[in-house]
């Protein structure tokens, strides 16, 4: 059985399976909006899933521009949407 990892996204508690990417853990929890576009405020989510498009960038533990499809969730991580 896979170990559960607790983390937060925009101040709300979430959990996922050890080894999951941030994007996968959030999508699996029903979160479909990871950020909004800068000028039009359009919702963005995971698009390519392999780190090429940068649509899924978030701030992880105060480090901006992290591609959530490439970074594994970690215990206690604080993840926030990026504008």
Protein backbone atom coordinates (compact mmCIF):
# COMPACT_ATOMS: atom_id res chain seq x y z
CA UNK A 1 0.00 0.00 0.00
CA UNK A 2 1.21 3.48 -0.87
CA UNK A 3 1.89 6.00 1.88
CA UNK A 4 -0.40 9.06 2.04
CA UNK A 5 1.23 12.50 2.01
CA UNK A 6 -0.46 15.62 3.44
CA UNK A 7 0.06 19.04 1.85
CA UNK A 8 -1.86 22.27 1.36
CA UNK A 9 -3.02 24.09 -1.74
CA UNK A 10 -4.13 27.70 -1.38
CA UNK A 11 -4.41 27.15 2.36
CA UNK A 12 -6.68 24.09 2.16
CA UNK A 13 -5.53 20.63 3.28
CA UNK A 14 -5.08 17.86 0.70
CA UNK A 15 -3.44 14.48 0.55
CA UNK A 16 -2.04 12.29 -2.16
CA UNK A 17 -0.04 9.16 -2.68
CA UNK A 18 3.70 9.09 -2.24
CA UNK A 19 5.35 9.50 -5.64
CA UNK A 20 2.49 11.49 -7.21
CA UNK A 21 3.17 14.80 -8.85
CA UNK A 22 1.53 17.86 -7.36
CA UNK A 23 -0.68 18.17 -10.44
CA UNK A 24 -1.77 14.52 -10.28
CA UNK A 25 -2.55 14.70 -6.57
CA UNK A 26 -4.63 17.86 -7.03
CA UNK A 27 -6.48 16.56 -10.08
CA UNK A 28 -7.18 13.32 -8.24
CA UNK A 29 -8.67 15.44 -5.42
CA UNK A 30 -10.99 17.28 -7.81
CA UNK A 31 -8.95 20.48 -8.24
CA UNK A 32 -9.09 21.52 -11.88
CA UNK A 33 -7.76 25.08 -11.63
CA UNK A 34 -4.11 25.51 -10.70
CA UNK A 35 -3.77 29.19 -11.61
CA UNK A 36 -5.28 32.03 -13.65
CA UNK A 37 -3.73 33.79 -16.62
CA UNK A 38 -2.10 37.12 -15.88
CA UNK A 39 -4.14 39.43 -18.10
CA UNK A 40 -7.50 37.79 -18.75
CA UNK A 41 -7.86 35.80 -15.52
CA UNK A 42 -8.64 32.60 -17.43
CA UNK A 43 -8.33 29.35 -15.44
CA UNK A 44 -5.38 27.09 -16.29
CA UNK A 45 -4.79 23.49 -15.39
CA UNK A 46 -2.38 20.75 -16.34
CA UNK A 47 -2.11 20.64 -20.13
CA UNK A 48 0.86 18.64 -21.41
CA UNK A 49 1.79 16.79 -18.23
CA UNK A 50 5.47 16.59 -19.19
CA UNK A 51 6.79 20.03 -18.23
CA UNK A 52 6.88 21.69 -21.63
CA UNK A 53 3.91 24.08 -21.58
CA UNK A 54 4.24 25.77 -18.14
CA UNK A 55 0.44 25.98 -17.76
CA UNK A 56 0.63 24.25 -14.37
CA UNK A 57 3.16 26.50 -12.62
CA UNK A 58 2.61 27.03 -8.90
CA UNK A 59 4.58 28.32 -5.93
CA UNK A 60 5.91 25.52 -3.72
CA UNK A 61 7.21 26.44 -0.26
CA UNK A 62 7.74 30.06 -1.39
CA UNK A 63 9.60 29.06 -4.58
CA UNK A 64 7.77 30.41 -7.64
CA UNK A 65 7.46 28.99 -11.15
CA UNK A 66 7.46 25.31 -10.19
CA UNK A 67 5.90 23.01 -12.78
CA UNK A 68 3.42 20.98 -10.75
CA UNK A 69 3.40 18.14 -13.27
CA UNK A 70 7.10 17.47 -12.61
CA UNK A 71 7.41 17.89 -8.84
CA UNK A 72 6.40 15.13 -6.43
CA UNK A 73 4.26 16.08 -3.48
CA UNK A 74 6.12 16.23 -0.19
CA UNK A 75 4.86 16.00 3.37
CA UNK A 76 3.73 19.40 4.65
CA UNK A 77 4.38 21.25 1.39
CA UNK A 78 2.64 24.60 1.04
CA UNK A 79 1.52 25.06 -2.55
CA UNK A 80 -0.24 28.16 -3.83
CA UNK A 81 -1.62 29.30 -7.16
CA UNK A 82 0.50 31.68 -9.13
CA UNK A 83 -0.90 34.72 -10.93
